[in-house]
Structure formats: C-alpha cells, structure tokens
Amino acid sequence: MIFPVWSKAISAQGTVKATAGSVNVPIVCAGAAVRPGDVIVADVDGVVVVPRTAADEVAQLGQQRVAKEAQSRERLQQGELGVDFYGLRAKLKELGVEYFDQDPG
C-alpha cells in the first residue's frame, strides 16, 4: 500500500556511519509512544499505533467491522434505507425531524 507521508522538518545533515544506531528501542513519534513489536496501521486518513498486546484483538475487530460494512453495502444496494436498518426513524422523530421517503409534493 502506498500512502502519503508528511514531515515536520527537513534535515540536510547526513547519517552517522561511525555507530550502528539503535534498533528495537521505544520511541515517541508525533507524540505517540511506539514500542518494539507494536503494529503501525496507516491509510490516507491517518496512522495509529496498536500495542503488540492488543494487535490480535484489534485485527479481529477490524475483520468484524469490514464484514459488517460489506453487509450494510449489500443492504443499501438492494434498496434498503440506512435510516431503517440503523433504526434512525425514531431518533429523527424524537428530534422533530420530519422524514419523507418520497417527494411530498
């Protein structure tokens, strides 16, 4: 996947070759703590750090969400209205919104 990457600053200074650097150490990136083994999930909407201890659960929840959204798209493609299968008619009425399924004119 290709997604945009932004930088707060640019440095013309080259890398240091006299030391090996650090690998598998905790860091902070844009205010977010990132520890070795954490999972970075990114798309064009943003980036999130998922702690390693929660990665399996988050992956399962993500798969459930994708399946639910696929079912919702199928229902919409079959002509069902989101206002009905999300149970919004009662909420609209409660808020004083008059909803018309068809042009009232």
PDB file of N, CA and C in Angstrom:
ATOM      1  N   MET A   1       0.841  -1.171   0.000  1.00  0.00           N
ATOM      2  CA  MET A   1       0.000   0.000   0.000  1.00  0.00           C
ATOM      3  C   MET A   1       0.890   1.238   0.000  1.00  0.00           C
ATOM      4  N   ILE A   2       0.508   2.205  -0.767  1.00  0.00           N
ATOM      5  CA  ILE A   2       1.218   3.478  -0.780  1.00  0.00           C
ATOM      6  C   ILE A   2       0.302   4.510  -0.131  1.00  0.00           C
ATOM      7  N   PHE A   3       0.844   5.275   0.799  1.00  0.00           N
ATOM      8  CA  PHE A   3       0.086   6.341   1.420  1.00  0.00           C
ATOM      9  C   PHE A   3       1.003   7.542   1.621  1.00  0.00           C
ATOM     10  N   PRO A   4       0.402   8.722   1.678  1.00  0.00           N
ATOM     11  CA  PRO A   4       1.219   9.930   1.823  1.00  0.00           C
ATOM     12  C   PRO A   4       1.951   9.960   3.164  1.00  0.00           C
ATOM     13  N   VAL A   5       3.117  10.550   3.168  1.00  0.00           N
ATOM     14  CA  VAL A   5       3.900  10.719   4.392  1.00  0.00           C
ATOM     15  C   VAL A   5       4.299  12.188   4.483  1.00  0.00           C
ATOM     16  N   TRP A   6       4.124  12.765   5.666  1.00  0.00           N
ATOM     17  CA  TRP A   6       4.481  14.158   5.869  1.00  0.00           C
ATOM     18  C   TRP A   6       5.608  14.242   6.882  1.00  0.00           C
ATOM     19  N   SER A   7       6.332  15.331   6.855  1.00  0.00           N
ATOM     20  CA  SER A   7       7.438  15.541   7.776  1.00  0.00           C
ATOM     21  C   SER A   7       7.303  16.916   8.415  1.00  0.00           C
ATOM     22  N   LYS A   8       7.653  17.013   9.694  1.00  0.00           N
ATOM     23  CA  LYS A   8       7.655  18.303  10.376  1.00  0.00           C
ATOM     24  C   LYS A   8       8.862  19.135   9.990  1.00  0.00           C
ATOM     25  N   ALA A   9       9.937  18.481   9.619  1.00  0.00           N
ATOM     26  CA  ALA A   9      11.175  19.200   9.333  1.00  0.00           C
ATOM     27  C   ALA A   9      11.997  18.441   8.303  1.00  0.00           C
ATOM     28  N   ILE A  10      12.926  19.147   7.733  1.00  0.00           N
ATOM     29  CA  ILE A  10      13.859  18.553   6.778  1.00  0.00           C
ATOM     30  C   ILE A  10      15.254  18.795   7.320  1.00  0.00           C
ATOM     31  N   SER A  11      16.091  17.794   7.241  1.00  0.00           N
ATOM     32  CA  SER A  11      17.467  17.935   7.693  1.00  0.00           C
ATOM     33  C   SER A  11      18.401  17.552   6.562  1.00  0.00           C
ATOM     34  N   ALA A  12      19.324  18.445   6.247  1.00  0.00           N
ATOM     35  CA  ALA A  12      20.303  18.165   5.201  1.00  0.00           C
ATOM     36  C   ALA A  12      21.507  17.417   5.758  1.00  0.00           C
ATOM     37  N   GLN A  13      21.524  17.233   7.070  1.00  0.00           N
ATOM     38  CA  GLN A  13      22.639  16.536   7.708  1.00  0.00           C
ATOM     39  C   GLN A  13      22.584  15.055   7.338  1.00  0.00           C
ATOM     40  N   GLY A  14      23.693  14.500   6.957  1.00  0.00           N
ATOM     41  CA  GLY A  14      23.754  13.093   6.577  1.00  0.00           C
ATOM     42  C   GLY A  14      23.708  12.175   7.782  1.00  0.00           C
ATOM     43  N   THR A  15      23.599  10.892   7.519  1.00  0.00           N
ATOM     44  CA  THR A  15      23.593   9.920   8.594  1.00  0.00           C
ATOM     45  C   THR A  15      24.996   9.726   9.140  1.00  0.00           C
ATOM     46  N   VAL A  16      25.056   9.243  10.367  1.00  0.00           N
ATOM     47  CA  VAL A  16      26.340   8.965  11.014  1.00  0.00           C
ATOM     48  C   VAL A  16      26.681   7.509  10.752  1.00  0.00           C
ATOM     49  N   LYS A  17      27.863   7.271  10.260  1.00  0.00           N
ATOM     50  CA  LYS A  17      28.247   5.903   9.929  1.00  0.00           C
ATOM     51  C   LYS A  17      29.214   5.308  10.962  1.00  0.00           C
ATOM     52  N   ALA A  18      29.573   6.101  11.965  1.00  0.00           N
ATOM     53  CA  ALA A  18      30.531   5.630  12.959  1.00  0.00           C
ATOM     54  C   ALA A  18      29.878   4.742  14.012  1.00  0.00           C
ATOM     55  N   THR A  19      28.551   4.778  14.134  1.00  0.00           N
ATOM     56  CA  THR A  19      27.849   3.957  15.113  1.00  0.00           C
ATOM     57  C   THR A  19      26.758   3.158  14.406  1.00  0.00           C
ATOM     58  N   ALA A  20      26.339   2.096  15.048  1.00  0.00           N
ATOM     59  CA  ALA A  20      25.319   1.220  14.459  1.00  0.00           C
ATOM     60  C   ALA A  20      23.913   1.783  14.617  1.00  0.00           C
ATOM     61  N   GLY A  21      23.726   2.729  15.508  1.00  0.00           N
ATOM     62  CA  GLY A  21      22.390   3.250  15.751  1.00  0.00           C
ATOM     63  C   GLY A  21      21.636   2.366  16.725  1.00  0.00           C
ATOM     64  N   SER A  22      20.341   2.624  16.869  1.00  0.00           N
ATOM     65  CA  SER A  22      19.523   1.872  17.825  1.00  0.00           C
ATOM     66  C   SER A  22      18.393   1.158  17.083  1.00  0.00           C
ATOM     67  N   VAL A  23      18.152  -0.072  17.499  1.00  0.00           N
ATOM     68  CA  VAL A  23      17.086  -0.884  16.926  1.00  0.00           C
ATOM     69  C   VAL A  23      16.320  -1.518  18.081  1.00  0.00           C
ATOM     70  N   ASN A  24      15.009  -1.668  17.907  1.00  0.00           N
ATOM     71  CA  ASN A  24      14.159  -2.308  18.925  1.00  0.00           C
ATOM     72  C   ASN A  24      14.205  -1.591  20.265  1.00  0.00           C
ATOM     73  N   VAL A  25      14.100  -0.268  20.215  1.00  0.00           N
ATOM     74  CA  VAL A  25      14.013   0.529  21.427  1.00  0.00           C
ATOM     75  C   VAL A  25      12.733   1.371  21.345  1.00  0.00           C
ATOM     76  N   PRO A  26      12.125   1.679  22.494  1.00  0.00           N
ATOM     77  CA  PRO A  26      10.932   2.534  22.469  1.00  0.00           C
ATOM     78  C   PRO A  26      11.270   3.915  21.918  1.00  0.00           C
ATOM     79  N   ILE A  27      10.330   4.485  21.171  1.00  0.00           N
ATOM     80  CA  ILE A  27      10.483   5.849  20.659  1.00  0.00           C
ATOM     81  C   ILE A  27       9.164   6.586  20.842  1.00  0.00           C
ATOM     82  N   VAL A  28       9.202   7.869  20.615  1.00  0.00           N
ATOM     83  CA  VAL A  28       7.988   8.677  20.549  1.00  0.00           C
ATOM     84  C   VAL A  28       7.976   9.324  19.179  1.00  0.00           C
ATOM     85  N   CYS A  29       6.886   9.143  18.464  1.00  0.00           N
ATOM     86  CA  CYS A  29       6.737   9.712  17.122  1.00  0.00           C
ATOM     87  C   CYS A  29       5.451  10.514  17.087  1.00  0.00           C
ATOM     88  N   ALA A  30       5.568  11.806  16.838  1.00  0.00           N
ATOM     89  CA  ALA A  30       4.398  12.702  16.803  1.00  0.00           C
ATOM     90  C   ALA A  30       3.571  12.589  18.080  1.00  0.00           C
ATOM     91  N   GLY A  31       4.255  12.404  19.205  1.00  0.00           N
ATOM     92  CA  GLY A  31       3.574  12.334  20.493  1.00  0.00           C
ATOM     93  C   GLY A  31       3.059  10.956  20.858  1.00  0.00           C
ATOM     94  N   ALA A  32       3.173   9.992  19.953  1.00  0.00           N
ATOM     95  CA  ALA A  32       2.694   8.637  20.223  1.00  0.00           C
ATOM     96  C   ALA A  32       3.859   7.737  20.618  1.00  0.00           C
ATOM     97  N   ALA A  33       3.694   7.022  21.722  1.00  0.00           N
ATOM     98  CA  ALA A  33       4.713   6.062  22.144  1.00  0.00           C
ATOM     99  C   ALA A  33       4.648   4.838  21.237  1.00  0.00           C
ATOM    100  N   VAL A  34       5.789   4.417  20.739  1.00  0.00           N
ATOM    101  CA  VAL A  34       5.892   3.229  19.889  1.00  0.00           C
ATOM    102  C   VAL A  34       6.947   2.330  20.508  1.00  0.00           C
ATOM    103  N   ARG A  35       6.530   1.106  20.816  1.00  0.00           N
ATOM    104  CA  ARG A  35       7.445   0.148  21.441  1.00  0.00           C
ATOM    105  C   ARG A  35       7.758  -0.983  20.458  1.00  0.00           C
ATOM    106  N   PRO A  36       8.878  -1.636  20.635  1.00  0.00           N
ATOM    107  CA  PRO A  36       9.207  -2.763  19.753  1.00  0.00           C
ATOM    108  C   PRO A  36       8.059  -3.774  19.722  1.00  0.00           C
ATOM    109  N   GLY A  37       7.686  -4.176  18.525  1.00  0.00           N
ATOM    110  CA  GLY A  37       6.601  -5.146  18.349  1.00  0.00           C
ATOM    111  C   GLY A  37       5.244  -4.523  18.130  1.00  0.00           C
ATOM    112  N   ASP A  38       5.091  -3.216  18.389  1.00  0.00           N
ATOM    113  CA  ASP A  38       3.814  -2.559  18.133  1.00  0.00           C
ATOM    114  C   ASP A  38       3.521  -2.602  16.634  1.00  0.00           C
ATOM    115  N   VAL A  39       2.255  -2.526  16.307  1.00  0.00           N
ATOM    116  CA  VAL A  39       1.829  -2.561  14.910  1.00  0.00           C
ATOM    117  C   VAL A  39       1.417  -1.150  14.498  1.00  0.00           C
ATOM    118  N   ILE A  40       1.924  -0.702  13.374  1.00  0.00           N
ATOM    119  CA  ILE A  40       1.546   0.601  12.834  1.00  0.00           C
ATOM    120  C   ILE A  40       0.549   0.354  11.705  1.00  0.00           C
ATOM    121  N   VAL A  41      -0.636   0.934  11.826  1.00  0.00           N
ATOM    122  CA  VAL A  41      -1.672   0.796  10.810  1.00  0.00           C
ATOM    123  C   VAL A  41      -1.899   2.177  10.209  1.00  0.00           C
ATOM    124  N   ALA A  42      -1.864   2.260   8.885  1.00  0.00           N
ATOM    125  CA  ALA A  42      -1.974   3.570   8.250  1.00  0.00           C
ATOM    126  C   ALA A  42      -2.766   3.470   6.961  1.00  0.00           C
ATOM    127  N   ASP A  43      -3.471   4.538   6.666  1.00  0.00           N
ATOM    128  CA  ASP A  43      -4.100   4.716   5.365  1.00  0.00           C
ATOM    129  C   ASP A  43      -4.121   6.211   5.093  1.00  0.00           C
ATOM    130  N   VAL A  44      -4.813   6.624   4.057  1.00  0.00           N
ATOM    131  CA  VAL A  44      -4.809   8.046   3.707  1.00  0.00           C
ATOM    132  C   VAL A  44      -5.508   8.907   4.761  1.00  0.00           C
ATOM    133  N   ASP A  45      -6.276   8.293   5.666  1.00  0.00           N
ATOM    134  CA  ASP A  45      -6.952   9.052   6.715  1.00  0.00           C
ATOM    135  C   ASP A  45      -6.083   9.276   7.948  1.00  0.00           C
ATOM    136  N   GLY A  46      -5.033   8.487   8.106  1.00  0.00           N
ATOM    137  CA  GLY A  46      -4.196   8.683   9.276  1.00  0.00           C
ATOM    138  C   GLY A  46      -3.386   7.455   9.625  1.00  0.00           C
ATOM    139  N   VAL A  47      -2.738   7.545  10.775  1.00  0.00           N
ATOM    140  CA  VAL A  47      -1.848   6.497  11.260  1.00  0.00           C
ATOM    141  C   VAL A  47      -2.190   6.236  12.721  1.00  0.00           C
ATOM    142  N   VAL A  48      -2.169   4.961  13.120  1.00  0.00           N
ATOM    143  CA  VAL A  48      -2.429   4.610  14.514  1.00  0.00           C
ATOM    144  C   VAL A  48      -1.405   3.569  14.952  1.00  0.00           C
ATOM    145  N   VAL A  49      -1.007   3.668  16.220  1.00  0.00           N
ATOM    146  CA  VAL A  49      -0.106   2.694  16.822  1.00  0.00           C
ATOM    147  C   VAL A  49      -0.962   1.721  17.627  1.00  0.00           C
ATOM    148  N   VAL A  50      -0.877   0.445  17.294  1.00  0.00           N
ATOM    149  CA  VAL A  50      -1.600  -0.589  18.032  1.00  0.00           C
ATOM    150  C   VAL A  50      -0.578  -1.339  18.887  1.00  0.00           C
ATOM    151  N   PRO A  51      -0.739  -1.281  20.209  1.00  0.00           N
ATOM    152  CA  PRO A  51       0.207  -2.002  21.064  1.00  0.00           C
ATOM    153  C   PRO A  51       0.220  -3.500  20.718  1.00  0.00           C
ATOM    154  N   ARG A  52       1.394  -4.082  20.758  1.00  0.00           N
ATOM    155  CA  ARG A  52       1.544  -5.508  20.423  1.00  0.00           C
ATOM    156  C   ARG A  52       0.560  -6.369  21.201  1.00  0.00           C
ATOM    157  N   THR A  53       0.321  -6.036  22.469  1.00  0.00           N
ATOM    158  CA  THR A  53      -0.569  -6.837  23.320  1.00  0.00           C
ATOM    159  C   THR A  53      -2.021  -6.785  22.859  1.00  0.00           C
ATOM    160  N   ALA A  54      -2.394  -5.793  22.070  1.00  0.00           N
ATOM    161  CA  ALA A  54      -3.773  -5.656  21.605  1.00  0.00           C
ATOM    162  C   ALA A  54      -3.920  -5.977  20.120  1.00  0.00           C
ATOM    163  N   ALA A  55      -2.826  -6.299  19.450  1.00  0.00           N
ATOM    164  CA  ALA A  55      -2.848  -6.449  17.994  1.00  0.00           C
ATOM    165  C   ALA A  55      -3.814  -7.529  17.515  1.00  0.00           C
ATOM    166  N   ASP A  56      -3.831  -8.700  18.156  1.00  0.00           N
ATOM    167  CA  ASP A  56      -4.736  -9.772  17.727  1.00  0.00           C
ATOM    168  C   ASP A  56      -6.194  -9.350  17.868  1.00  0.00           C
ATOM    169  N   GLU A  57      -6.530  -8.766  19.013  1.00  0.00           N
ATOM    170  CA  GLU A  57      -7.911  -8.329  19.241  1.00  0.00           C
ATOM    171  C   GLU A  57      -8.307  -7.244  18.244  1.00  0.00           C
ATOM    172  N   VAL A  58      -7.435  -6.277  18.012  1.00  0.00           N
ATOM    173  CA  VAL A  58      -7.732  -5.196  17.076  1.00  0.00           C
ATOM    174  C   VAL A  58      -7.904  -5.743  15.658  1.00  0.00           C
ATOM    175  N   ALA A  59      -7.094  -6.718  15.276  1.00  0.00           N
ATOM    176  CA  ALA A  59      -7.228  -7.335  13.950  1.00  0.00           C
ATOM    177  C   ALA A  59      -8.575  -8.037  13.815  1.00  0.00           C
ATOM    178  N   GLN A  60      -8.988  -8.767  14.848  1.00  0.00           N
ATOM    179  CA  GLN A  60     -10.285  -9.445  14.811  1.00  0.00           C
ATOM    180  C   GLN A  60     -11.430  -8.437  14.739  1.00  0.00           C
ATOM    181  N   LEU A  61     -11.348  -7.383  15.533  1.00  0.00           N
ATOM    182  CA  LEU A  61     -12.390  -6.344  15.499  1.00  0.00           C
ATOM    183  C   LEU A  61     -12.433  -5.665  14.134  1.00  0.00           C
ATOM    184  N   GLY A  62     -11.267  -5.460  13.532  1.00  0.00           N
ATOM    185  CA  GLY A  62     -11.223  -4.873  12.198  1.00  0.00           C
ATOM    186  C   GLY A  62     -11.891  -5.764  11.165  1.00  0.00           C
ATOM    187  N   GLN A  63     -11.642  -7.072  11.249  1.00  0.00           N
ATOM    188  CA  GLN A  63     -12.279  -8.005  10.319  1.00  0.00           C
ATOM    189  C   GLN A  63     -13.793  -8.019  10.506  1.00  0.00           C
ATOM    190  N   GLN A  64     -14.248  -7.949  11.756  1.00  0.00           N
ATOM    191  CA  GLN A  64     -15.688  -7.894  12.025  1.00  0.00           C
ATOM    192  C   GLN A  64     -16.297  -6.627  11.427  1.00  0.00           C
ATOM    193  N   ARG A  65     -15.587  -5.514  11.551  1.00  0.00           N
ATOM    194  CA  ARG A  65     -16.075  -4.242  11.019  1.00  0.00           C
ATOM    195  C   ARG A  65     -16.170  -4.283   9.498  1.00  0.00           C
ATOM    196  N   VAL A  66     -15.163  -4.849   8.847  1.00  0.00           N
ATOM    197  CA  VAL A  66     -15.178  -4.970   7.386  1.00  0.00           C
ATOM    198  C   VAL A  66     -16.373  -5.815   6.949  1.00  0.00           C
ATOM    199  N   ALA A  67     -16.634  -6.929   7.642  1.00  0.00           N
ATOM    200  CA  ALA A  67     -17.768  -7.795   7.302  1.00  0.00           C
ATOM    201  C   ALA A  67     -19.088  -7.061   7.505  1.00  0.00           C
ATOM    202  N   LYS A  68     -19.210  -6.311   8.602  1.00  0.00           N
ATOM    203  CA  LYS A  68     -20.442  -5.557   8.871  1.00  0.00           C
ATOM    204  C   LYS A  68     -20.680  -4.503   7.799  1.00  0.00           C
ATOM    205  N   GLU A  69     -19.627  -3.803   7.395  1.00  0.00           N
ATOM    206  CA  GLU A  69     -19.770  -2.784   6.359  1.00  0.00           C
ATOM    207  C   GLU A  69     -20.134  -3.403   5.016  1.00  0.00           C
ATOM    208  N   ALA A  70     -19.618  -4.602   4.727  1.00  0.00           N
ATOM    209  CA  ALA A  70     -19.986  -5.297   3.491  1.00  0.00           C
ATOM    210  C   ALA A  70     -21.471  -5.647   3.507  1.00  0.00           C
ATOM    211  N   GLN A  71     -21.977  -6.090   4.662  1.00  0.00           N
ATOM    212  CA  GLN A  71     -23.405  -6.387   4.784  1.00  0.00           C
ATOM    213  C   GLN A  71     -24.238  -5.117   4.605  1.00  0.00           C
ATOM    214  N   SER A  72     -23.796  -4.027   5.184  1.00  0.00           N
ATOM    215  CA  SER A  72     -24.519  -2.754   5.044  1.00  0.00           C
ATOM    216  C   SER A  72     -24.547  -2.308   3.590  1.00  0.00           C
ATOM    217  N   ARG A  73     -23.416  -2.412   2.885  1.00  0.00           N
ATOM    218  CA  ARG A  73     -23.384  -2.041   1.461  1.00  0.00           C
ATOM    219  C   ARG A  73     -24.336  -2.900   0.653  1.00  0.00           C
ATOM    220  N   GLU A  74     -24.387  -4.199   0.961  1.00  0.00           N
ATOM    221  CA  GLU A  74     -25.299  -5.105   0.255  1.00  0.00           C
ATOM    222  C   GLU A  74     -26.749  -4.687   0.481  1.00  0.00           C
ATOM    223  N   ARG A  75     -27.098  -4.368   1.718  1.00  0.00           N
ATOM    224  CA  ARG A  75     -28.464  -3.937   2.039  1.00  0.00           C
ATOM    225  C   ARG A  75     -28.804  -2.642   1.296  1.00  0.00           C
ATOM    226  N   LEU A  76     -27.863  -1.720   1.263  1.00  0.00           N
ATOM    227  CA  LEU A  76     -28.102  -0.461   0.546  1.00  0.00           C
ATOM    228  C   LEU A  76     -28.253  -0.706  -0.954  1.00  0.00           C
ATOM    229  N   GLN A  77     -27.432  -1.600  -1.512  1.00  0.00           N
ATOM    230  CA  GLN A  77     -27.526  -1.922  -2.935  1.00  0.00           C
ATOM    231  C   GLN A  77     -28.857  -2.578  -3.276  1.00  0.00           C
ATOM    232  N   GLN A  78     -29.449  -3.285  -2.316  1.00  0.00           N
ATOM    233  CA  GLN A  78     -30.746  -3.915  -2.532  1.00  0.00           C
ATOM    234  C   GLN A  78     -31.897  -2.941  -2.333  1.00  0.00           C
ATOM    235  N   GLY A  79     -31.580  -1.685  -2.022  1.00  0.00           N
ATOM    236  CA  GLY A  79     -32.605  -0.656  -1.912  1.00  0.00           C
ATOM    237  C   GLY A  79     -33.083  -0.359  -0.508  1.00  0.00           C
ATOM    238  N   GLU A  80     -32.582  -1.073   0.481  1.00  0.00           N
ATOM    239  CA  GLU A  80     -32.978  -0.792   1.859  1.00  0.00           C
ATOM    240  C   GLU A  80     -32.358   0.538   2.282  1.00  0.00           C
ATOM    241  N   LEU A  81     -33.089   1.277   3.063  1.00  0.00           N
ATOM    242  CA  LEU A  81     -32.612   2.588   3.505  1.00  0.00           C
ATOM    243  C   LEU A  81     -31.854   2.482   4.825  1.00  0.00           C
ATOM    244  N   GLY A  82     -30.745   3.173   4.889  1.00  0.00           N
ATOM    245  CA  GLY A  82     -29.958   3.201   6.110  1.00  0.00           C
ATOM    246  C   GLY A  82     -30.764   3.726   7.287  1.00  0.00           C
ATOM    247  N   VAL A  83     -31.644   4.651   7.035  1.00  0.00           N
ATOM    248  CA  VAL A  83     -32.476   5.219   8.095  1.00  0.00           C
ATOM    249  C   VAL A  83     -33.306   4.126   8.774  1.00  0.00           C
ATOM    250  N   ASP A  84     -33.624   3.056   8.027  1.00  0.00           N
ATOM    251  CA  ASP A  84     -34.388   1.950   8.606  1.00  0.00           C
ATOM    252  C   ASP A  84     -33.492   0.941   9.313  1.00  0.00           C
ATOM    253  N   PHE A  85     -32.431   0.437   8.628  1.00  0.00           N
ATOM    254  CA  PHE A  85     -31.669  -0.623   9.277  1.00  0.00           C
ATOM    255  C   PHE A  85     -30.737  -0.115  10.357  1.00  0.00           C
ATOM    256  N   TYR A  86     -30.527   1.199  10.428  1.00  0.00           N
ATOM    257  CA  TYR A  86     -29.797   1.757  11.570  1.00  0.00           C
ATOM    258  C   TYR A  86     -30.753   2.229  12.665  1.00  0.00           C
ATOM    259  N   GLY A  87     -32.053   2.067  12.434  1.00  0.00           N
ATOM    260  CA  GLY A  87     -33.052   2.430  13.435  1.00  0.00           C
ATOM    261  C   GLY A  87     -33.120   3.919  13.721  1.00  0.00           C
ATOM    262  N   LEU A  88     -32.995   4.731  12.678  1.00  0.00           N
ATOM    263  CA  LEU A  88     -32.933   6.179  12.886  1.00  0.00           C
ATOM    264  C   LEU A  88     -34.278   6.894  12.805  1.00  0.00           C
ATOM    265  N   ARG A  89     -35.307   6.238  12.329  1.00  0.00           N
ATOM    266  CA  ARG A  89     -36.603   6.930  12.207  1.00  0.00           C
ATOM    267  C   ARG A  89     -37.086   7.450  13.557  1.00  0.00           C
ATOM    268  N   ALA A  90     -36.993   6.639  14.598  1.00  0.00           N
ATOM    269  CA  ALA A  90     -37.440   7.066  15.931  1.00  0.00           C
ATOM    270  C   ALA A  90     -36.605   8.246  16.430  1.00  0.00           C
ATOM    271  N   LYS A  91     -35.300   8.207  16.186  1.00  0.00           N
ATOM    272  CA  LYS A  91     -34.424   9.296  16.636  1.00  0.00           C
ATOM    273  C   LYS A  91     -34.759  10.588  15.899  1.00  0.00           C
ATOM    274  N   LEU A  92     -35.004  10.488  14.589  1.00  0.00           N
ATOM    275  CA  LEU A  92     -35.380  11.676  13.819  1.00  0.00           C
ATOM    276  C   LEU A  92     -36.677  12.270  14.352  1.00  0.00           C
ATOM    277  N   LYS A  93     -37.650  11.393  14.630  1.00  0.00           N
ATOM    278  CA  LYS A  93     -38.939  11.866  15.161  1.00  0.00           C
ATOM    279  C   LYS A  93     -38.730  12.552  16.512  1.00  0.00           C
ATOM    280  N   GLU A  94     -37.904  11.932  17.355  1.00  0.00           N
ATOM    281  CA  GLU A  94     -37.594  12.496  18.671  1.00  0.00           C
ATOM    282  C   GLU A  94     -36.969  13.886  18.547  1.00  0.00           C
ATOM    283  N   LEU A  95     -36.174  14.091  17.505  1.00  0.00           N
ATOM    284  CA  LEU A  95     -35.507  15.370  17.289  1.00  0.00           C
ATOM    285  C   LEU A  95     -36.391  16.373  16.543  1.00  0.00           C
ATOM    286  N   GLY A  96     -37.601  15.949  16.183  1.00  0.00           N
ATOM    287  CA  GLY A  96     -38.512  16.840  15.493  1.00  0.00           C
ATOM    288  C   GLY A  96     -38.263  16.945  13.997  1.00  0.00           C
ATOM    289  N   VAL A  97     -37.549  15.975  13.443  1.00  0.00           N
ATOM    290  CA  VAL A  97     -37.254  15.977  12.013  1.00  0.00           C
ATOM    291  C   VAL A  97     -38.341  15.190  11.300  1.00  0.00           C
ATOM    292  N   GLU A  98     -38.954  15.793  10.310  1.00  0.00           N
ATOM    293  CA  GLU A  98     -39.951  15.093   9.518  1.00  0.00           C
ATOM    294  C   GLU A  98     -39.245  14.466   8.318  1.00  0.00           C
ATOM    295  N   TYR A  99     -39.299  13.147   8.254  1.00  0.00           N
ATOM    296  CA  TYR A  99     -38.582  12.408   7.202  1.00  0.00           C
ATOM    297  C   TYR A  99     -39.595  11.951   6.155  1.00  0.00           C
ATOM    298  N   PHE A 100     -39.270  12.201   4.895  1.00  0.00           N
ATOM    299  CA  PHE A 100     -40.132  11.770   3.792  1.00  0.00           C
ATOM    300  C   PHE A 100     -39.379  10.734   2.967  1.00  0.00           C
ATOM    301  N   ASP A 101     -40.045   9.574   2.760  1.00  0.00           N
ATOM    302  CA  ASP A 101     -39.451   8.549   1.905  1.00  0.00           C
ATOM    303  C   ASP A 101     -39.504   8.963   0.445  1.00  0.00           C
ATOM    304  N   GLN A 102     -40.511   9.736   0.084  1.00  0.00           N
ATOM    305  CA  GLN A 102     -40.687  10.198  -1.280  1.00  0.00           C
ATOM    306  C   GLN A 102     -40.947  11.689  -1.250  1.00  0.00           C
ATOM    307  N   ASP A 103     -40.868  12.296  -2.408  1.00  0.00           N
ATOM    308  CA  ASP A 103     -41.153  13.730  -2.538  1.00  0.00           C
ATOM    309  C   ASP A 103     -42.592  13.975  -2.094  1.00  0.00           C
ATOM    310  N   PRO A 104     -42.819  14.821  -1.057  1.00  0.00           N
ATOM    311  CA  PRO A 104     -44.168  15.038  -0.544  1.00  0.00           C
ATOM    312  C   PRO A 104     -45.063  15.809  -1.514  1.00  0.00           C
ATOM    313  N   GLY A 105     -44.478  16.389  -2.542  1.00  0.00           N
ATOM    314  CA  GLY A 105     -45.256  17.202  -3.471  1.00  0.00           C
ATOM    315  C   GLY A 105     -45.911  16.366  -4.478  1.00  0.00           C
TER     316      GLY A 105
END
